[in-house]
Every structure is written in C-alpha cells, then in structure tokens.
C-alpha cells in the first residue's frame, strides 16, 4: 500500500513539473531583505528580492532583532503551554492591547498565525441558522475556516456589490449574518471597497469582518489598514498577521469587541490547543508597531517604489493587475510560460515567483511582485529592464 501511494504521488509530482505548476523552494542563505543570498549547491548567489511580504523592510531591522534578543535572554525561548494554562505572558497582553488601539478596536487576541485566527473564528462565532457571506477571492484560511462552521455559506464574485446584496437578501432569515472579505486580495493587489460593503452590511443588519494581512503597516495615513485607507470605515472584526509588514516573523490576531475576543479565548480551537506565541516575537512586534508609528517615510518610500515599478512596466507593454498597493502582479496567462519567466529572472539576478493554478484561476498565471521600502530607484530600474528583456525573449511583450 505504501509503495502504491508513493508511486502515485511521485507520478503526480512529475505531472505538476511538466505542467509548470510545481512550487520549487529556494533556500535563503541570508536575512530576509530587499536583496538576499540564495543557496545554490555549495555556494550562494545575491538576488534582488521582489517576492517577500517584507513591505517596510523590517524583517532584518536590528531594532526588532534587538528587542527579540532582549526578550529571549530575559524570558526564554517559549512558553511550553497554551494560553489558558500557564502560557500567558505580560508581553502577550501588552501586544494585544497595542494592536487593539492601533486598529481602533476595543480588544484583541493573539494566535500562532493568521491562518489559525481565521481557522478558529467562524466555528466559534457561527452556528446552524447563521449565514456567512464570503468574497470569492478570499484567502485560503478564510475558506478553510468557513468549512469548519455550521452556518449557511454564500459566496459572491469578487468585488461585485450587486451579487453581495443578493447574497444578503438570500440570508435575510439568518439569526446572524457575517460578511467577510480580504482587505487586500493578495493575488491581484486589489483593495476591497469597504465603504460599499459596510453600507450593504448596515442595510441588511450584517457584521463585517476584514482580513487585513496585506494592509496593516501599509495602507492608511497611520498604517493601520484598509479601513483607515478608506477614511475610517467601521469594521466589526479585523484579523491579521505579524508575519508581513510587522517584521515578517510569525503570529496572527483577531481584533474586535470585548465580547467577541472574550468568546474566542474560550472557544477558538487554534487558540485553546496551540502553544502561545514566543515572548521574543511579541517583543519584536511591539517594536515594529513603534516604527510604523514613528517612521511614516517607510510607507511613503514603499508607495513611491510601487508607483515607479507599475508605471515603468505598463510603459513597456506588460499587463498588470491591481492598483494602489505594493503588490504588483504581472499577468502572463500560461502556467508553463510563467514558470519559464520566473526561472529566467532567477538566472539573471532577480528573485520573483510564478503563481498558477490552484493559487490563481487556470489560465491566469502571473509573476506576483511585491515592493519593499528598502528597494532603491536603481533596484527598480534594474528589475524593470530585466522584466522587459525576459518578456521580449518569451514573447510576453512585443
């Protein structure tokens, strides 16, 4: 039986390689930064990095490392326990209070990751007789979390407010209605229309939940996310991660009312049955929030880099998705061609990854690039020239 299973899986893996859908891993031999050293056999090679979620260039910031090192020395490696037994640390409570204030919510609770936060939320809050209405392009963690709950499930085409209204009308008899959307859709770099979604929620008596993993630290005058970007839209539940703009380590959270957060502490299974976040990561996240508040120039540099890269690629003839966010997807279409494009970039000194089915719909393969405040104007120009050269070679642009 084991041999049969192994044979079938090896054949399936080979098929993925032939179809250009295999996800290769490239081990880093350096800190995560705007340029990285990628291990290649016994040596390593420097590559310009356009595929990390390291938006504010904080993953290697010595201040975050220093805060983590100090906490590690003082408080040890980990808690060796879940929160309700003996795993709650003063640093956890400080970070939860800080996140809640930053996001404009009364309370917050930490999870090992945002995947866990989304995985535990729906089952805890929704039951039979409730309804959850989800954008079609929401993150996999939202999809999986919804599968665990007993609520009626509705899905609307991404950003289609008429379809969302129809879903809300279809759920009119539900005891509790929850509309859930990504704040920024990570494959397209599209910012959700929260004002329109909020208006429909108010009309139909629904709650609004936003996963703001790709927005916190990036969008809004203070970096607090999509709601602030839109002028202060009211959101009932915010989920997010510490693993992107806020230092790139690990950890997630839910920010909401005291009642919602209190209930999640009692009922959310990933919270109840996972070890607490290491204190060192909580300390580094607190440091990251200090930097987000005190150094708005990082967001300005990030926005300038994204605008420069997007404008130059469009001028060269590339078709791009999204707008107004440092995620800049370069649309290729064919999965094999996208894989060849990414490989060509890699061989020429640029680290960018091809995304194809099932991560994006079939026929919509792309090179998803992500900007960082740590990139220079020269870095952007080098990347544009390399994209153009590779695009011409592969027939993506004229």
Protein backbone atom coordinates (compact mmCIF):
# COMPACT_ATOMS: atom_id res chain seq x y z
CA UNK A 1 0.00 0.00 0.00
CA UNK A 2 2.78 2.43 0.91
CA UNK A 3 4.63 1.65 -2.31
CA UNK A 4 1.48 2.22 -4.34
CA UNK A 5 0.84 5.54 -2.62
CA UNK A 6 4.43 6.68 -3.15
CA UNK A 7 4.30 5.69 -6.83
CA UNK A 8 1.06 7.59 -7.39
CA UNK A 9 2.33 10.69 -5.62
CA UNK A 10 5.65 10.69 -7.46
CA UNK A 11 3.78 10.45 -10.76
CA UNK A 12 1.55 13.34 -9.69
CA UNK A 13 4.57 15.43 -8.71
CA UNK A 14 6.14 14.80 -12.10
CA UNK A 15 2.91 15.89 -13.79
CA UNK A 16 2.99 19.14 -11.84
CA UNK A 17 6.53 19.75 -13.10
CA UNK A 18 5.52 19.12 -16.72
CA UNK A 19 2.55 21.48 -16.42
CA UNK A 20 4.59 24.26 -14.86
CA UNK A 21 2.65 24.01 -11.58
CA UNK A 22 5.39 22.66 -9.31
CA UNK A 23 6.32 25.02 -6.49
CA UNK A 24 10.08 24.86 -6.06
CA UNK A 25 11.74 26.19 -2.92
CA UNK A 26 14.88 28.33 -2.98
CA UNK A 27 16.66 28.33 0.41
CA UNK A 28 17.94 31.69 1.59
CA UNK A 29 21.46 31.93 2.98
CA UNK A 30 20.97 35.44 4.36
CA UNK A 31 18.50 37.59 6.22
CA UNK A 32 15.24 38.44 4.51
CA UNK A 33 15.77 41.81 2.85
CA UNK A 34 15.48 43.77 -0.40
CA UNK A 35 18.40 41.68 -1.64
CA UNK A 36 19.04 38.14 -0.47
CA UNK A 37 21.62 35.41 -0.83
CA UNK A 38 20.06 32.26 -2.26
CA UNK A 39 21.83 28.97 -1.73
CA UNK A 40 22.83 27.14 -4.90
CA UNK A 41 24.63 23.93 -4.04
CA UNK A 42 27.75 24.64 -2.01
CA UNK A 43 27.68 28.36 -2.86
CA UNK A 44 25.14 31.17 -2.78
CA UNK A 45 24.14 33.97 -5.09
CA UNK A 46 22.89 37.52 -4.47
CA UNK A 47 19.44 38.23 -5.92
CA UNK A 48 17.25 41.31 -5.90
CA UNK A 49 14.17 40.25 -3.95
CA UNK A 50 10.72 41.12 -5.32
CA UNK A 51 8.66 38.37 -3.73
CA UNK A 52 8.66 38.84 0.06
CA UNK A 53 5.89 40.33 2.19
CA UNK A 54 8.60 42.46 3.80
CA UNK A 55 6.85 45.68 2.81
CA UNK A 56 8.53 48.02 5.31
CA UNK A 57 11.95 46.31 5.20
CA UNK A 58 11.68 45.39 8.88
CA UNK A 59 12.47 41.67 8.71
CA UNK A 60 16.18 42.33 9.19
CA UNK A 61 15.90 45.60 11.13
CA UNK A 62 18.40 45.46 14.02
CA UNK A 63 15.93 47.15 16.38
CA UNK A 64 13.44 44.29 16.01
CA UNK A 65 16.21 41.74 16.35
CA UNK A 66 17.46 43.57 19.44
CA UNK A 67 14.01 43.59 21.04
CA UNK A 68 13.62 39.89 20.32
CA UNK A 69 17.10 39.11 21.64
CA UNK A 70 16.47 41.01 24.87
CA UNK A 71 13.15 39.20 25.39
CA UNK A 72 14.77 35.87 24.54
CA UNK A 73 17.50 36.43 27.12
CA UNK A 74 15.06 37.56 29.80
CA UNK A 75 12.05 35.32 29.17
CA UNK A 76 13.41 32.23 27.42
CA UNK A 77 12.59 30.54 24.15
CA UNK A 78 8.90 29.76 24.54
CA UNK A 79 6.01 29.25 26.93
CA UNK A 80 5.69 25.45 26.57
CA UNK A 81 1.98 25.86 27.21
CA UNK A 82 -1.28 27.13 25.82
CA UNK A 83 -2.53 30.49 26.99
CA UNK A 84 -5.22 29.40 29.48
CA UNK A 85 -2.93 27.01 31.37
CA UNK A 86 0.36 28.79 32.01
CA UNK A 87 1.16 30.25 28.60
CA UNK A 88 0.07 33.87 29.02
CA UNK A 89 2.92 36.36 29.33
CA UNK A 90 2.83 40.07 30.11
CA UNK A 91 4.28 40.71 26.63
CA UNK A 92 1.27 38.95 25.07
CA UNK A 93 -1.11 41.20 26.95
CA UNK A 94 0.89 44.31 26.07
CA UNK A 95 0.86 43.41 22.37
CA UNK A 96 -2.85 42.62 22.38
CA UNK A 97 -3.64 45.99 23.95
CA UNK A 98 -1.35 47.76 21.49
CA UNK A 99 -2.88 46.02 18.45
CA UNK A 100 -6.40 46.82 19.59
CA UNK A 101 -5.59 50.51 20.00
CA UNK A 102 -3.73 50.65 16.67
CA UNK A 103 -6.61 49.01 14.80
CA UNK A 104 -9.32 51.06 16.53
CA UNK A 105 -10.89 48.05 18.24
CA UNK A 106 -11.74 47.53 21.93
CA UNK A 107 -9.78 44.30 22.32
CA UNK A 108 -7.51 41.81 20.55
CA UNK A 109 -6.31 38.23 20.95
CA UNK A 110 -3.14 36.61 19.58
CA UNK A 111 -2.95 33.37 17.59
CA UNK A 112 0.06 31.38 16.33
CA UNK A 113 -0.73 32.66 12.80
CA UNK A 114 -3.45 34.47 10.90
CA UNK A 115 -4.30 31.14 9.30
CA UNK A 116 -5.12 29.93 12.82
CA UNK A 117 -7.03 33.12 13.61
CA UNK A 118 -9.25 32.66 10.57
CA UNK A 119 -9.40 28.91 11.16
CA UNK A 120 -10.80 29.35 14.66
CA UNK A 121 -13.09 32.34 14.29
CA UNK A 122 -16.06 31.10 12.25
CA UNK A 123 -16.62 27.85 14.14
CA UNK A 124 -16.59 29.76 17.42
CA UNK A 125 -18.97 32.54 16.35
CA UNK A 126 -21.38 30.96 13.85
CA UNK A 127 -23.76 28.02 14.11
CA UNK A 128 -26.69 26.46 12.27
CA UNK A 129 -29.19 29.21 11.48
CA UNK A 130 -26.43 31.76 10.85
CA UNK A 131 -25.05 32.84 7.47
CA UNK A 132 -21.55 33.72 6.30
CA UNK A 133 -21.10 35.62 3.02
CA UNK A 134 -17.58 35.43 1.57
CA UNK A 135 -15.81 37.09 -1.34
CA UNK A 136 -14.82 34.53 -3.96
CA UNK A 137 -11.13 35.52 -3.81
CA UNK A 138 -10.74 35.43 -0.04
CA UNK A 139 -7.63 33.82 1.40
CA UNK A 140 -7.45 30.04 1.80
CA UNK A 141 -7.50 30.39 5.58
CA UNK A 142 -10.91 32.06 5.38
CA UNK A 143 -12.20 29.34 3.06
CA UNK A 144 -10.96 26.61 5.38
CA UNK A 145 -12.27 28.37 8.48
CA UNK A 146 -15.75 28.71 6.97
CA UNK A 147 -15.76 24.99 6.16
CA UNK A 148 -15.47 24.23 9.86
CA UNK A 149 -18.61 26.12 10.88
CA UNK A 150 -22.27 25.06 10.53
CA UNK A 151 -23.56 28.35 9.12
CA UNK A 152 -25.15 28.62 5.68
CA UNK A 153 -22.48 29.63 3.20
CA UNK A 154 -22.83 32.20 0.46
CA UNK A 155 -20.12 33.32 -1.97
CA UNK A 156 -20.11 36.32 -4.29
CA UNK A 157 -17.85 37.19 -7.26
CA UNK A 158 -15.00 39.33 -6.02
CA UNK A 159 -15.95 42.98 -5.58
CA UNK A 160 -19.44 42.51 -7.06
CA UNK A 161 -21.69 44.58 -4.81
CA UNK A 162 -24.87 43.59 -6.64
CA UNK A 163 -24.06 39.93 -6.01
CA UNK A 164 -23.23 40.67 -2.37
CA UNK A 165 -26.60 42.40 -1.97
CA UNK A 166 -28.31 39.35 -3.46
CA UNK A 167 -26.49 37.06 -1.02
CA UNK A 168 -27.53 39.24 1.90
CA UNK A 169 -31.13 39.15 0.73
CA UNK A 170 -30.96 35.36 0.41
CA UNK A 171 -29.70 35.21 4.00
CA UNK A 172 -32.41 37.52 5.32
CA UNK A 173 -33.81 34.89 7.69
CA UNK A 174 -30.49 34.08 9.34
CA UNK A 175 -30.04 34.75 13.03
CA UNK A 176 -26.60 36.23 12.48
CA UNK A 177 -25.05 37.38 9.18
CA UNK A 178 -21.31 37.87 8.73
CA UNK A 179 -19.77 39.33 5.57
CA UNK A 180 -16.07 38.53 5.25
CA UNK A 181 -13.54 39.97 2.83
CA UNK A 182 -9.81 40.37 2.42
CA UNK A 183 -8.81 44.00 2.84
CA UNK A 184 -6.31 43.49 0.03
CA UNK A 185 -6.61 40.48 -2.27
CA UNK A 186 -3.12 39.06 -2.28
CA UNK A 187 -3.05 37.53 -5.77
CA UNK A 188 -4.32 40.68 -7.51
CA UNK A 189 -3.28 43.58 -5.29
CA UNK A 190 -6.86 44.86 -5.34
CA UNK A 191 -8.09 46.89 -2.35
CA UNK A 192 -11.60 45.93 -1.20
CA UNK A 193 -14.34 48.56 -1.46
CA UNK A 194 -15.05 48.66 2.28
CA UNK A 195 -17.37 51.70 2.17
CA UNK A 196 -19.73 49.90 -0.23
CA UNK A 197 -19.54 46.65 1.74
CA UNK A 198 -20.17 48.47 5.02
CA UNK A 199 -23.21 50.20 3.55
CA UNK A 200 -24.71 46.88 2.47
CA UNK A 201 -23.96 45.34 5.86
CA UNK A 202 -25.77 48.21 7.58
CA UNK A 203 -28.75 47.91 5.24
CA UNK A 204 -29.10 44.17 5.88
CA UNK A 205 -28.08 44.03 9.53
CA UNK A 206 -24.84 42.13 8.94
CA UNK A 207 -21.48 42.17 10.66
CA UNK A 208 -18.32 42.93 8.67
CA UNK A 209 -15.06 41.02 9.07
CA UNK A 210 -11.86 42.02 7.25
CA UNK A 211 -8.63 40.05 6.94
CA UNK A 212 -6.14 42.90 6.70
CA UNK A 213 -2.93 40.88 6.50
CA UNK A 214 -1.62 42.72 3.43
CA UNK A 215 -2.79 46.15 4.57
CA UNK A 216 -1.69 46.65 8.17
CA UNK A 217 1.53 48.63 8.19
CA UNK A 218 1.00 49.53 4.53
CA UNK A 219 -2.32 51.33 3.96
CA UNK A 220 -3.92 54.30 5.68
CA UNK A 221 -2.44 57.57 6.93
CA UNK A 222 -1.16 55.81 10.06
CA UNK A 223 -0.58 52.40 8.50
CA UNK A 224 -3.49 50.81 10.35
CA UNK A 225 -5.01 49.24 7.25
CA UNK A 226 -7.81 49.22 4.73
CA UNK A 227 -10.46 50.84 6.93
CA UNK A 228 -8.19 53.84 7.55
CA UNK A 229 -7.27 53.93 3.85
CA UNK A 230 -10.96 54.47 3.09
CA UNK A 231 -11.32 57.26 5.65
CA UNK A 232 -12.26 55.28 8.74
CA UNK A 233 -14.82 52.65 7.77
CA UNK A 234 -16.30 50.78 10.73
CA UNK A 235 -15.27 47.12 10.80
CA UNK A 236 -16.64 44.71 13.39
CA UNK A 237 -13.85 42.12 13.28
CA UNK A 238 -10.28 42.51 11.99
CA UNK A 239 -7.88 39.62 11.53
CA UNK A 240 -4.27 39.95 10.50
CA UNK A 241 -0.71 38.77 10.77
CA UNK A 242 2.58 39.79 12.35
CA UNK A 243 4.36 37.94 9.56
CA UNK A 244 4.31 40.53 6.80
CA UNK A 245 4.84 44.29 7.24
CA UNK A 246 5.25 43.97 11.03
CA UNK A 247 8.61 42.25 10.91
CA UNK A 248 7.88 39.11 8.94
CA UNK A 249 8.21 36.63 11.82
CA UNK A 250 5.06 34.78 12.91
CA UNK A 251 1.79 35.28 14.75
CA UNK A 252 -1.73 36.41 13.99
CA UNK A 253 -4.58 38.13 15.77
CA UNK A 254 -8.26 38.93 15.93
CA UNK A 255 -9.26 42.45 16.98
CA UNK A 256 -12.89 43.12 17.84
CA UNK A 257 -15.24 43.85 20.74
CA UNK A 258 -14.52 42.63 24.25
CA UNK A 259 -17.36 40.12 23.89
CA UNK A 260 -16.07 38.62 20.62
CA UNK A 261 -12.49 38.44 21.83
CA UNK A 262 -13.56 37.03 25.17
CA UNK A 263 -15.60 34.31 23.46
CA UNK A 264 -12.71 33.39 21.15
CA UNK A 265 -10.46 32.92 24.18
CA UNK A 266 -12.97 30.35 25.44
CA UNK A 267 -13.96 28.63 22.19
CA UNK A 268 -11.45 29.13 19.32
CA UNK A 269 -9.71 25.78 18.97
CA UNK A 270 -6.39 27.00 17.46
CA UNK A 271 -6.10 29.36 20.46
CA UNK A 272 -7.05 26.76 23.05
CA UNK A 273 -4.91 23.94 21.69
CA UNK A 274 -1.76 25.67 20.35
CA UNK A 275 1.25 26.84 22.30
CA UNK A 276 1.38 30.56 22.97
CA UNK A 277 3.41 32.87 20.75
CA UNK A 278 7.05 33.05 21.91
CA UNK A 279 7.64 36.19 24.01
CA UNK A 280 10.50 37.24 21.73
CA UNK A 281 8.09 37.51 18.79
CA UNK A 282 5.69 39.59 20.84
CA UNK A 283 8.53 41.93 21.78
CA UNK A 284 9.65 42.32 18.17
CA UNK A 285 6.07 43.05 17.05
CA UNK A 286 5.76 45.78 19.69
CA UNK A 287 8.98 47.29 18.32
CA UNK A 288 7.60 47.08 14.78
CA UNK A 289 4.46 48.97 15.81
CA UNK A 290 6.69 51.70 17.29
CA UNK A 291 8.49 52.02 13.95
CA UNK A 292 5.25 52.08 11.96
CA UNK A 293 4.05 54.97 14.14
CA UNK A 294 7.31 56.94 14.15
CA UNK A 295 8.63 56.43 10.60
CA UNK A 296 5.91 57.24 8.05
CA UNK A 297 8.64 57.73 5.47
CA UNK A 298 8.82 53.97 5.07
CA UNK A 299 5.24 53.89 3.77
CA UNK A 300 5.98 56.84 1.50
CA UNK A 301 9.03 55.09 0.04
CA UNK A 302 7.02 51.90 -0.41
CA UNK A 303 4.27 53.74 -2.28
CA UNK A 304 6.80 55.55 -4.47
CA UNK A 305 8.56 52.28 -5.36
CA UNK A 306 5.27 50.61 -6.24
CA UNK A 307 4.15 53.52 -8.43
CA UNK A 308 7.50 53.69 -10.23
CA UNK A 309 7.60 49.95 -10.90
CA UNK A 310 3.97 49.80 -12.06
CA UNK A 311 4.28 52.82 -14.36
CA UNK A 312 7.50 51.56 -15.97
CA UNK A 313 6.17 48.04 -16.55
CA UNK A 314 3.00 49.37 -18.13
CA UNK A 315 5.07 51.63 -20.36
CA UNK A 316 6.96 48.54 -21.57
CA UNK A 317 3.69 46.84 -22.53
CA UNK A 318 3.05 44.48 -19.62
CA UNK A 319 -0.48 43.76 -18.44
CA UNK A 320 -0.77 44.23 -14.68
CA UNK A 321 -3.44 43.53 -12.08
CA UNK A 322 -4.41 45.64 -9.09
CA UNK A 323 -3.77 49.29 -8.29
CA UNK A 324 -2.71 51.42 -5.35
CA UNK A 325 -0.92 48.66 -3.44
CA UNK A 326 2.69 47.38 -3.41
CA UNK A 327 1.53 44.01 -4.74
CA UNK A 328 2.16 44.33 -8.50
CA UNK A 329 1.11 41.16 -10.38
CA UNK A 330 2.50 40.81 -13.91
CA UNK A 331 -0.02 38.76 -15.89
CA UNK A 332 1.40 36.00 -18.11
CA UNK A 333 -1.53 33.62 -18.65
CA UNK A 334 0.06 30.29 -19.47
CA UNK A 335 1.47 28.43 -16.45
CA UNK A 336 4.47 26.98 -18.29
CA UNK A 337 5.42 30.37 -19.68
CA UNK A 338 5.05 31.96 -16.24
CA UNK A 339 7.35 29.31 -14.76
CA UNK A 340 9.90 29.89 -17.53
CA UNK A 341 9.63 33.65 -16.95
CA UNK A 342 10.35 33.28 -13.22
CA UNK A 343 13.26 30.94 -13.94
CA UNK A 344 14.70 33.41 -16.45
CA UNK A 345 14.52 36.19 -13.86
CA UNK A 346 16.17 33.98 -11.26
CA UNK A 347 19.04 33.11 -13.58
CA UNK A 348 19.56 36.81 -14.32
CA UNK A 349 19.68 38.01 -10.72
CA UNK A 350 16.08 38.70 -9.70
CA UNK A 351 14.01 36.66 -7.25
CA UNK A 352 10.33 36.59 -8.24
CA UNK A 353 7.92 33.66 -8.21
CA UNK A 354 5.31 32.41 -10.68
CA UNK A 355 1.79 31.82 -9.37
CA UNK A 356 -0.51 29.45 -11.21
CA UNK A 357 -3.47 27.15 -10.53
CA UNK A 358 -4.79 26.37 -7.99
CA UNK A 359 -3.42 29.52 -6.32
CA UNK A 360 -4.95 31.59 -9.15
CA UNK A 361 -7.58 30.51 -11.71
CA UNK A 362 -6.37 28.35 -14.62
CA UNK A 363 -5.12 30.49 -17.48
CA UNK A 364 -4.33 33.44 -15.20
CA UNK A 365 -0.75 32.60 -14.23
CA UNK A 366 1.37 35.56 -13.21
CA UNK A 367 4.58 36.78 -11.66
CA UNK A 368 3.44 38.38 -8.42
CA UNK A 369 5.92 41.02 -7.37
CA UNK A 370 5.86 42.83 -4.06
CA UNK A 371 7.61 46.08 -3.40
CA UNK A 372 9.62 47.00 -0.33
CA UNK A 373 10.60 50.35 1.13
CA UNK A 374 14.17 49.01 1.13
CA UNK A 375 14.44 49.00 -2.68
CA UNK A 376 16.33 51.85 -4.33
CA UNK A 377 15.38 53.62 -7.56
CA UNK A 378 18.28 51.77 -9.19
CA UNK A 379 16.87 48.46 -7.97
CA UNK A 380 13.50 49.28 -9.54
CA UNK A 381 15.10 50.25 -12.85
CA UNK A 382 17.19 47.06 -12.89
CA UNK A 383 14.06 44.98 -12.25
CA UNK A 384 12.08 46.75 -15.00
CA UNK A 385 14.87 46.24 -17.54
CA UNK A 386 15.15 42.56 -16.63
CA UNK A 387 11.39 42.05 -16.85
CA UNK A 388 11.38 43.71 -20.27
CA UNK A 389 14.28 41.61 -21.56
CA UNK A 390 12.68 38.39 -20.31
CA UNK A 391 9.26 39.41 -21.58
CA UNK A 392 10.57 40.03 -25.09
CA UNK A 393 12.52 36.79 -25.09
CA UNK A 394 9.44 34.76 -24.15
CA UNK A 395 7.01 36.69 -26.34
CA UNK A 396 5.05 38.16 -23.42
CA UNK A 397 5.56 41.70 -24.77
CA UNK A 398 6.47 42.92 -28.24
